[in-house]
Amino acid sequence: MDPEVWSQFIRENWLVIVIALVILFAVINLVKTVLKWAIVIVIVVGLFIYGGVTMDQIGNAVNKVADGTVSTLKSEAQEVMLKEAQDAKYTSGEDGTFTITTPNIEMKGKAGEDKVEVTFRGVSLGKWSVTDTTKTFIEEAKNN
């Protein structure tokens, strides 16, 4: 996904792109059903295929962006976790499960297990291994 390749493609195929954009705007403004979005997707995919971009490349780009976003969220969540540990509320169940909540973080787990489920600002970040940061967070929440 080199910017130079995109630039060259746009210079060589500007007329096709302009025609596709005009058709897209016409479809979006005139068609009022789900069919509209199917047509839009077909036109966009057609442009990518015409430009030599494969669906694998698009999928790889989407995966890279998603992975980058998740790792950024995880880093931010760990920082917030340490800052909000003193405000954390710890609740435990009789079966050994626990939930820790702060204004931005919710952590669920079970005592003795090495995985906890973390939600940051309403977005699930999946199951995390219990590290020093999460242990510190859990211990401080228990002490509150």
N, C-alpha and C. Protein backbone atom coordinates (compact mmCIF):
# COMPACT_ATOMS: atom_id res chain seq x y z
N MET A 1 0.84 -1.18 0.00
CA MET A 1 0.00 0.00 0.00
C MET A 1 0.89 1.25 0.00
N ASP A 2 1.79 1.31 -0.93
CA ASP A 2 2.73 2.42 -1.05
C ASP A 2 2.02 3.66 -1.58
N PRO A 3 2.20 4.81 -0.95
CA PRO A 3 1.55 6.04 -1.41
C PRO A 3 1.94 6.41 -2.85
N GLU A 4 3.16 6.07 -3.24
CA GLU A 4 3.60 6.37 -4.61
C GLU A 4 2.78 5.57 -5.63
N VAL A 5 2.46 4.33 -5.28
CA VAL A 5 1.64 3.50 -6.17
C VAL A 5 0.25 4.12 -6.32
N TRP A 6 -0.33 4.56 -5.19
CA TRP A 6 -1.66 5.19 -5.24
C TRP A 6 -1.61 6.47 -6.07
N SER A 7 -0.58 7.25 -5.87
CA SER A 7 -0.44 8.50 -6.61
C SER A 7 -0.36 8.23 -8.11
N GLN A 8 0.43 7.26 -8.49
CA GLN A 8 0.56 6.89 -9.90
C GLN A 8 -0.77 6.38 -10.45
N PHE A 9 -1.45 5.55 -9.67
CA PHE A 9 -2.75 5.02 -10.11
C PHE A 9 -3.74 6.15 -10.34
N ILE A 10 -3.79 7.12 -9.43
CA ILE A 10 -4.73 8.24 -9.56
C ILE A 10 -4.39 9.08 -10.79
N ARG A 11 -3.10 9.32 -11.03
CA ARG A 11 -2.71 10.10 -12.21
C ARG A 11 -3.09 9.40 -13.50
N GLU A 12 -2.92 8.09 -13.53
CA GLU A 12 -3.21 7.34 -14.76
C GLU A 12 -4.70 7.11 -14.98
N ASN A 13 -5.48 7.02 -13.90
CA ASN A 13 -6.88 6.64 -14.02
C ASN A 13 -7.83 7.69 -13.46
N TRP A 14 -7.48 8.93 -13.52
CA TRP A 14 -8.30 9.98 -12.92
C TRP A 14 -9.69 10.04 -13.53
N LEU A 15 -9.80 9.80 -14.83
CA LEU A 15 -11.11 9.87 -15.48
C LEU A 15 -12.03 8.75 -14.98
N VAL A 16 -11.49 7.55 -14.84
CA VAL A 16 -12.28 6.42 -14.34
C VAL A 16 -12.73 6.71 -12.90
N ILE A 17 -11.84 7.29 -12.11
CA ILE A 17 -12.17 7.61 -10.72
C ILE A 17 -13.27 8.66 -10.65
N VAL A 18 -13.17 9.69 -11.48
CA VAL A 18 -14.18 10.75 -11.50
C VAL A 18 -15.54 10.17 -11.91
N ILE A 19 -15.55 9.33 -12.93
CA ILE A 19 -16.81 8.71 -13.38
C ILE A 19 -17.39 7.85 -12.26
N ALA A 20 -16.53 7.08 -11.58
CA ALA A 20 -17.00 6.22 -10.48
C ALA A 20 -17.57 7.07 -9.35
N LEU A 21 -16.93 8.19 -9.04
CA LEU A 21 -17.44 9.07 -7.98
C LEU A 21 -18.79 9.68 -8.35
N VAL A 22 -18.94 10.09 -9.60
CA VAL A 22 -20.22 10.64 -10.05
C VAL A 22 -21.31 9.58 -9.93
N ILE A 23 -21.00 8.36 -10.35
CA ILE A 23 -21.98 7.27 -10.24
C ILE A 23 -22.30 6.99 -8.78
N LEU A 24 -21.27 6.98 -7.92
CA LEU A 24 -21.49 6.76 -6.48
C LEU A 24 -22.43 7.80 -5.89
N PHE A 25 -22.16 9.08 -6.18
CA PHE A 25 -23.02 10.13 -5.64
C PHE A 25 -24.44 10.03 -6.18
N ALA A 26 -24.57 9.67 -7.45
CA ALA A 26 -25.91 9.51 -8.03
C ALA A 26 -26.65 8.37 -7.34
N VAL A 27 -25.95 7.25 -7.14
CA VAL A 27 -26.59 6.09 -6.49
C VAL A 27 -26.98 6.44 -5.07
N ILE A 28 -26.09 7.09 -4.33
CA ILE A 28 -26.38 7.43 -2.93
C ILE A 28 -27.56 8.39 -2.83
N ASN A 29 -27.66 9.33 -3.76
CA ASN A 29 -28.74 10.32 -3.70
C ASN A 29 -30.06 9.81 -4.26
N LEU A 30 -30.02 8.89 -5.21
CA LEU A 30 -31.25 8.46 -5.87
C LEU A 30 -31.84 7.17 -5.31
N VAL A 31 -31.01 6.23 -4.96
CA VAL A 31 -31.50 4.94 -4.49
C VAL A 31 -31.61 4.99 -2.96
N LYS A 32 -32.75 4.61 -2.43
CA LYS A 32 -33.01 4.74 -0.99
C LYS A 32 -33.17 3.39 -0.29
N THR A 33 -32.58 2.34 -0.79
CA THR A 33 -32.75 1.02 -0.19
C THR A 33 -31.39 0.41 0.14
N VAL A 34 -31.45 -0.80 0.61
CA VAL A 34 -30.22 -1.54 0.92
C VAL A 34 -29.45 -1.81 -0.38
N LEU A 35 -30.15 -1.88 -1.47
CA LEU A 35 -29.52 -2.09 -2.77
C LEU A 35 -28.49 -1.00 -3.05
N LYS A 36 -28.76 0.21 -2.54
CA LYS A 36 -27.84 1.33 -2.72
C LYS A 36 -26.45 0.95 -2.21
N TRP A 37 -26.39 0.40 -1.02
CA TRP A 37 -25.08 0.09 -0.44
C TRP A 37 -24.42 -1.09 -1.14
N ALA A 38 -25.21 -1.99 -1.66
CA ALA A 38 -24.63 -3.09 -2.45
C ALA A 38 -23.97 -2.54 -3.71
N ILE A 39 -24.64 -1.59 -4.37
CA ILE A 39 -24.08 -0.98 -5.58
C ILE A 39 -22.82 -0.19 -5.23
N VAL A 40 -22.86 0.55 -4.14
CA VAL A 40 -21.68 1.32 -3.72
C VAL A 40 -20.50 0.39 -3.46
N ILE A 41 -20.74 -0.70 -2.76
CA ILE A 41 -19.67 -1.65 -2.47
C ILE A 41 -19.10 -2.25 -3.74
N VAL A 42 -19.97 -2.60 -4.68
CA VAL A 42 -19.51 -3.17 -5.95
C VAL A 42 -18.64 -2.17 -6.70
N ILE A 43 -19.03 -0.90 -6.71
CA ILE A 43 -18.24 0.12 -7.42
C ILE A 43 -16.88 0.31 -6.76
N VAL A 44 -16.86 0.40 -5.43
CA VAL A 44 -15.60 0.59 -4.71
C VAL A 44 -14.68 -0.61 -4.90
N VAL A 45 -15.22 -1.82 -4.76
CA VAL A 45 -14.42 -3.02 -4.95
C VAL A 45 -13.92 -3.09 -6.39
N GLY A 46 -14.77 -2.71 -7.33
CA GLY A 46 -14.35 -2.69 -8.74
C GLY A 46 -13.18 -1.76 -8.96
N LEU A 47 -13.21 -0.59 -8.33
CA LEU A 47 -12.08 0.34 -8.45
C LEU A 47 -10.80 -0.25 -7.86
N PHE A 48 -10.92 -0.89 -6.71
CA PHE A 48 -9.73 -1.49 -6.10
C PHE A 48 -9.17 -2.61 -6.99
N ILE A 49 -10.04 -3.44 -7.50
CA ILE A 49 -9.58 -4.53 -8.36
C ILE A 49 -8.98 -3.97 -9.64
N TYR A 50 -9.60 -2.96 -10.20
CA TYR A 50 -9.09 -2.31 -11.41
C TYR A 50 -7.71 -1.72 -11.14
N GLY A 51 -7.51 -1.23 -9.95
CA GLY A 51 -6.23 -0.63 -9.58
C GLY A 51 -5.18 -1.66 -9.19
N GLY A 52 -5.52 -2.92 -9.18
CA GLY A 52 -4.54 -3.96 -8.86
C GLY A 52 -4.44 -4.25 -7.37
N VAL A 53 -5.35 -3.74 -6.58
CA VAL A 53 -5.34 -4.01 -5.16
C VAL A 53 -6.19 -5.25 -4.92
N THR A 54 -5.62 -6.24 -4.27
CA THR A 54 -6.37 -7.47 -4.04
C THR A 54 -7.10 -7.40 -2.71
N MET A 55 -8.07 -8.26 -2.55
CA MET A 55 -8.82 -8.31 -1.30
C MET A 55 -7.91 -8.71 -0.14
N ASP A 56 -6.88 -9.51 -0.42
CA ASP A 56 -5.92 -9.88 0.63
C ASP A 56 -5.18 -8.66 1.13
N GLN A 57 -4.79 -7.78 0.22
CA GLN A 57 -4.09 -6.56 0.62
C GLN A 57 -5.00 -5.67 1.46
N ILE A 58 -6.25 -5.57 1.06
CA ILE A 58 -7.21 -4.78 1.83
C ILE A 58 -7.40 -5.39 3.21
N GLY A 59 -7.56 -6.71 3.26
CA GLY A 59 -7.71 -7.40 4.54
C GLY A 59 -6.50 -7.22 5.43
N ASN A 60 -5.30 -7.31 4.83
CA ASN A 60 -4.07 -7.11 5.61
C ASN A 60 -3.99 -5.70 6.17
N ALA A 61 -4.37 -4.72 5.35
CA ALA A 61 -4.35 -3.33 5.82
C ALA A 61 -5.33 -3.13 6.97
N VAL A 62 -6.52 -3.69 6.84
CA VAL A 62 -7.53 -3.59 7.90
C VAL A 62 -7.03 -4.26 9.17
N ASN A 63 -6.40 -5.43 9.03
CA ASN A 63 -5.87 -6.14 10.20
C ASN A 63 -4.76 -5.35 10.89
N LYS A 64 -3.89 -4.71 10.09
CA LYS A 64 -2.81 -3.90 10.68
C LYS A 64 -3.39 -2.73 11.47
N VAL A 65 -4.39 -2.08 10.90
CA VAL A 65 -5.01 -0.95 11.59
C VAL A 65 -5.69 -1.44 12.87
N ALA A 66 -6.40 -2.55 12.79
CA ALA A 66 -7.09 -3.09 13.97
C ALA A 66 -6.09 -3.49 15.05
N ASP A 67 -5.01 -4.16 14.66
CA ASP A 67 -4.00 -4.57 15.64
C ASP A 67 -3.34 -3.36 16.30
N GLY A 68 -3.05 -2.35 15.50
CA GLY A 68 -2.46 -1.13 16.03
C GLY A 68 -3.39 -0.43 17.01
N THR A 69 -4.67 -0.40 16.66
CA THR A 69 -5.66 0.24 17.52
C THR A 69 -5.79 -0.51 18.83
N VAL A 70 -5.86 -1.82 18.78
CA VAL A 70 -6.00 -2.62 20.00
C VAL A 70 -4.77 -2.47 20.89
N SER A 71 -3.57 -2.48 20.30
CA SER A 71 -2.38 -2.33 21.13
C SER A 71 -2.31 -0.94 21.76
N THR A 72 -2.75 0.07 21.03
CA THR A 72 -2.80 1.43 21.59
C THR A 72 -3.80 1.49 22.74
N LEU A 73 -4.98 0.88 22.54
CA LEU A 73 -5.98 0.85 23.60
C LEU A 73 -5.47 0.10 24.83
N LYS A 74 -4.76 -1.00 24.61
CA LYS A 74 -4.22 -1.76 25.74
C LYS A 74 -3.23 -0.92 26.53
N SER A 75 -2.35 -0.22 25.83
CA SER A 75 -1.37 0.63 26.51
C SER A 75 -2.06 1.72 27.30
N GLU A 76 -3.04 2.36 26.67
CA GLU A 76 -3.78 3.42 27.35
C GLU A 76 -4.55 2.87 28.54
N ALA A 77 -5.13 1.69 28.37
CA ALA A 77 -5.89 1.07 29.47
C ALA A 77 -4.97 0.78 30.66
N GLN A 78 -3.76 0.32 30.40
CA GLN A 78 -2.83 0.03 31.50
C GLN A 78 -2.44 1.31 32.24
N GLU A 79 -2.25 2.39 31.50
CA GLU A 79 -1.93 3.66 32.15
C GLU A 79 -3.09 4.13 33.02
N VAL A 80 -4.31 4.05 32.46
CA VAL A 80 -5.50 4.47 33.20
C VAL A 80 -5.72 3.56 34.39
N MET A 81 -5.42 2.28 34.23
CA MET A 81 -5.57 1.31 35.31
C MET A 81 -4.75 1.73 36.52
N LEU A 82 -3.52 2.12 36.28
CA LEU A 82 -2.65 2.53 37.39
C LEU A 82 -3.13 3.84 38.02
N LYS A 83 -3.64 4.75 37.20
CA LYS A 83 -4.11 6.04 37.72
C LYS A 83 -5.40 5.90 38.52
N GLU A 84 -6.28 5.00 38.10
CA GLU A 84 -7.59 4.88 38.73
C GLU A 84 -7.66 3.76 39.77
N ALA A 85 -6.54 3.13 40.07
CA ALA A 85 -6.55 1.99 41.01
C ALA A 85 -7.09 2.40 42.38
N GLN A 86 -6.79 3.61 42.83
CA GLN A 86 -7.26 4.04 44.14
C GLN A 86 -8.77 4.26 44.17
N ASP A 87 -9.40 4.44 43.00
CA ASP A 87 -10.86 4.63 42.93
C ASP A 87 -11.60 3.34 42.57
N ALA A 88 -10.89 2.24 42.44
CA ALA A 88 -11.49 0.99 41.97
C ALA A 88 -12.39 0.38 43.03
N LYS A 89 -13.49 -0.19 42.56
CA LYS A 89 -14.43 -0.89 43.44
C LYS A 89 -14.35 -2.38 43.13
N TYR A 90 -14.05 -3.16 44.16
CA TYR A 90 -13.87 -4.60 44.03
C TYR A 90 -15.10 -5.30 44.58
N THR A 91 -15.71 -6.14 43.75
CA THR A 91 -16.81 -6.97 44.22
C THR A 91 -16.49 -8.42 43.88
N SER A 92 -16.80 -9.31 44.80
CA SER A 92 -16.50 -10.72 44.56
C SER A 92 -17.75 -11.56 44.77
N GLY A 93 -17.76 -12.67 44.06
CA GLY A 93 -18.86 -13.62 44.19
C GLY A 93 -18.43 -14.80 45.03
N GLU A 94 -19.40 -15.60 45.42
CA GLU A 94 -19.11 -16.77 46.26
C GLU A 94 -18.33 -17.84 45.51
N ASP A 95 -18.43 -17.81 44.18
CA ASP A 95 -17.75 -18.83 43.38
C ASP A 95 -16.31 -18.44 43.03
N GLY A 96 -15.81 -17.35 43.60
CA GLY A 96 -14.43 -16.95 43.37
C GLY A 96 -14.27 -15.92 42.26
N THR A 97 -15.36 -15.57 41.60
CA THR A 97 -15.27 -14.56 40.55
C THR A 97 -15.20 -13.18 41.19
N PHE A 98 -14.62 -12.25 40.46
CA PHE A 98 -14.56 -10.87 40.95
C PHE A 98 -14.75 -9.90 39.79
N THR A 99 -15.20 -8.71 40.13
CA THR A 99 -15.35 -7.62 39.17
C THR A 99 -14.76 -6.38 39.80
N ILE A 100 -13.92 -5.70 39.04
CA ILE A 100 -13.34 -4.44 39.49
C ILE A 100 -13.81 -3.37 38.51
N THR A 101 -14.37 -2.29 39.04
CA THR A 101 -14.84 -1.22 38.17
C THR A 101 -14.23 0.11 38.60
N THR A 102 -13.91 0.90 37.59
CA THR A 102 -13.48 2.29 37.76
C THR A 102 -14.28 3.08 36.75
N PRO A 103 -14.14 4.39 36.71
CA PRO A 103 -14.90 5.16 35.71
C PRO A 103 -14.62 4.72 34.27
N ASN A 104 -13.44 4.20 33.98
CA ASN A 104 -13.09 3.84 32.60
C ASN A 104 -12.83 2.36 32.37
N ILE A 105 -12.63 1.59 33.43
CA ILE A 105 -12.21 0.20 33.27
C ILE A 105 -13.14 -0.73 34.02
N GLU A 106 -13.37 -1.88 33.40
CA GLU A 106 -14.06 -2.96 34.10
C GLU A 106 -13.23 -4.23 33.87
N MET A 107 -12.91 -4.90 34.95
CA MET A 107 -12.11 -6.12 34.86
C MET A 107 -12.88 -7.24 35.55
N LYS A 108 -12.99 -8.36 34.87
CA LYS A 108 -13.67 -9.53 35.44
C LYS A 108 -12.71 -10.71 35.40
N GLY A 109 -12.74 -11.51 36.44
CA GLY A 109 -11.89 -12.68 36.48
C GLY A 109 -12.31 -13.62 37.57
N LYS A 110 -11.49 -14.63 37.78
CA LYS A 110 -11.75 -15.62 38.81
C LYS A 110 -10.46 -15.79 39.59
N ALA A 111 -10.58 -15.83 40.90
CA ALA A 111 -9.40 -15.95 41.76
C ALA A 111 -8.62 -17.21 41.41
N GLY A 112 -7.31 -17.05 41.26
CA GLY A 112 -6.46 -18.19 40.97
C GLY A 112 -6.22 -18.43 39.49
N GLU A 113 -6.98 -17.80 38.63
CA GLU A 113 -6.77 -17.97 37.20
C GLU A 113 -5.78 -16.93 36.69
N ASP A 114 -5.13 -17.23 35.56
CA ASP A 114 -4.12 -16.31 35.05
C ASP A 114 -4.65 -15.42 33.92
N LYS A 115 -5.96 -15.39 33.72
CA LYS A 115 -6.57 -14.54 32.69
C LYS A 115 -7.69 -13.72 33.30
N VAL A 116 -7.79 -12.46 32.85
CA VAL A 116 -8.89 -11.59 33.25
C VAL A 116 -9.45 -10.94 31.99
N GLU A 117 -10.72 -10.63 32.02
CA GLU A 117 -11.36 -9.96 30.89
C GLU A 117 -11.41 -8.47 31.19
N VAL A 118 -10.91 -7.67 30.24
CA VAL A 118 -10.80 -6.23 30.45
C VAL A 118 -11.67 -5.48 29.44
N THR A 119 -12.44 -4.53 29.97
CA THR A 119 -13.23 -3.63 29.14
C THR A 119 -12.77 -2.21 29.45
N PHE A 120 -12.42 -1.46 28.40
CA PHE A 120 -11.91 -0.10 28.57
C PHE A 120 -12.84 0.87 27.85
N ARG A 121 -13.47 1.74 28.63
CA ARG A 121 -14.42 2.72 28.10
C ARG A 121 -15.49 2.07 27.22
N GLY A 122 -15.97 0.92 27.69
CA GLY A 122 -17.05 0.22 26.99
C GLY A 122 -16.60 -0.67 25.85
N VAL A 123 -15.30 -0.71 25.56
CA VAL A 123 -14.77 -1.53 24.47
C VAL A 123 -14.03 -2.72 25.08
N SER A 124 -14.46 -3.92 24.72
CA SER A 124 -13.81 -5.11 25.24
C SER A 124 -12.43 -5.26 24.63
N LEU A 125 -11.44 -5.42 25.48
CA LEU A 125 -10.08 -5.64 25.02
C LEU A 125 -9.68 -7.11 25.11
N GLY A 126 -10.65 -7.96 25.38
CA GLY A 126 -10.40 -9.39 25.42
C GLY A 126 -9.82 -9.85 26.75
N LYS A 127 -9.29 -11.05 26.73
CA LYS A 127 -8.71 -11.64 27.94
C LYS A 127 -7.23 -11.32 27.98
N TRP A 128 -6.79 -10.84 29.14
CA TRP A 128 -5.39 -10.51 29.36
C TRP A 128 -4.79 -11.49 30.33
N SER A 129 -3.53 -11.78 30.13
CA SER A 129 -2.79 -12.53 31.15
C SER A 129 -2.56 -11.61 32.33
N VAL A 130 -2.54 -12.19 33.51
CA VAL A 130 -2.32 -11.40 34.72
C VAL A 130 -0.83 -11.08 34.80
N THR A 131 -0.52 -9.79 34.65
CA THR A 131 0.86 -9.30 34.71
C THR A 131 1.04 -8.51 36.00
N ASP A 132 2.22 -7.94 36.15
CA ASP A 132 2.49 -7.12 37.34
C ASP A 132 1.51 -5.95 37.43
N THR A 133 1.22 -5.33 36.29
CA THR A 133 0.30 -4.19 36.28
C THR A 133 -1.09 -4.61 36.74
N THR A 134 -1.60 -5.71 36.18
CA THR A 134 -2.94 -6.15 36.56
C THR A 134 -2.97 -6.65 38.00
N LYS A 135 -1.89 -7.31 38.45
CA LYS A 135 -1.83 -7.75 39.85
C LYS A 135 -1.89 -6.55 40.80
N THR A 136 -1.12 -5.52 40.48
CA THR A 136 -1.12 -4.31 41.30
C THR A 136 -2.50 -3.69 41.34
N PHE A 137 -3.15 -3.64 40.18
CA PHE A 137 -4.50 -3.08 40.09
C PHE A 137 -5.48 -3.88 40.94
N ILE A 138 -5.42 -5.20 40.84
CA ILE A 138 -6.32 -6.07 41.61
C ILE A 138 -6.07 -5.91 43.10
N GLU A 139 -4.81 -5.91 43.51
CA GLU A 139 -4.49 -5.79 44.94
C GLU A 139 -4.94 -4.44 45.50
N GLU A 140 -4.71 -3.38 44.74
CA GLU A 140 -5.12 -2.06 45.23
C GLU A 140 -6.64 -1.97 45.30
N ALA A 141 -7.35 -2.58 44.31
CA ALA A 141 -8.81 -2.58 44.36
C ALA A 141 -9.32 -3.36 45.57
N LYS A 142 -8.68 -4.46 45.90
CA LYS A 142 -9.07 -5.24 47.09
C LYS A 142 -8.91 -4.42 48.36
N ASN A 143 -7.85 -3.65 48.40
CA ASN A 143 -7.57 -2.85 49.61
C ASN A 143 -8.52 -1.68 49.78
N ASN A 144 -9.16 -1.28 48.69
CA ASN A 144 -10.12 -0.16 48.80
C ASN A 144 -11.34 -0.67 49.50
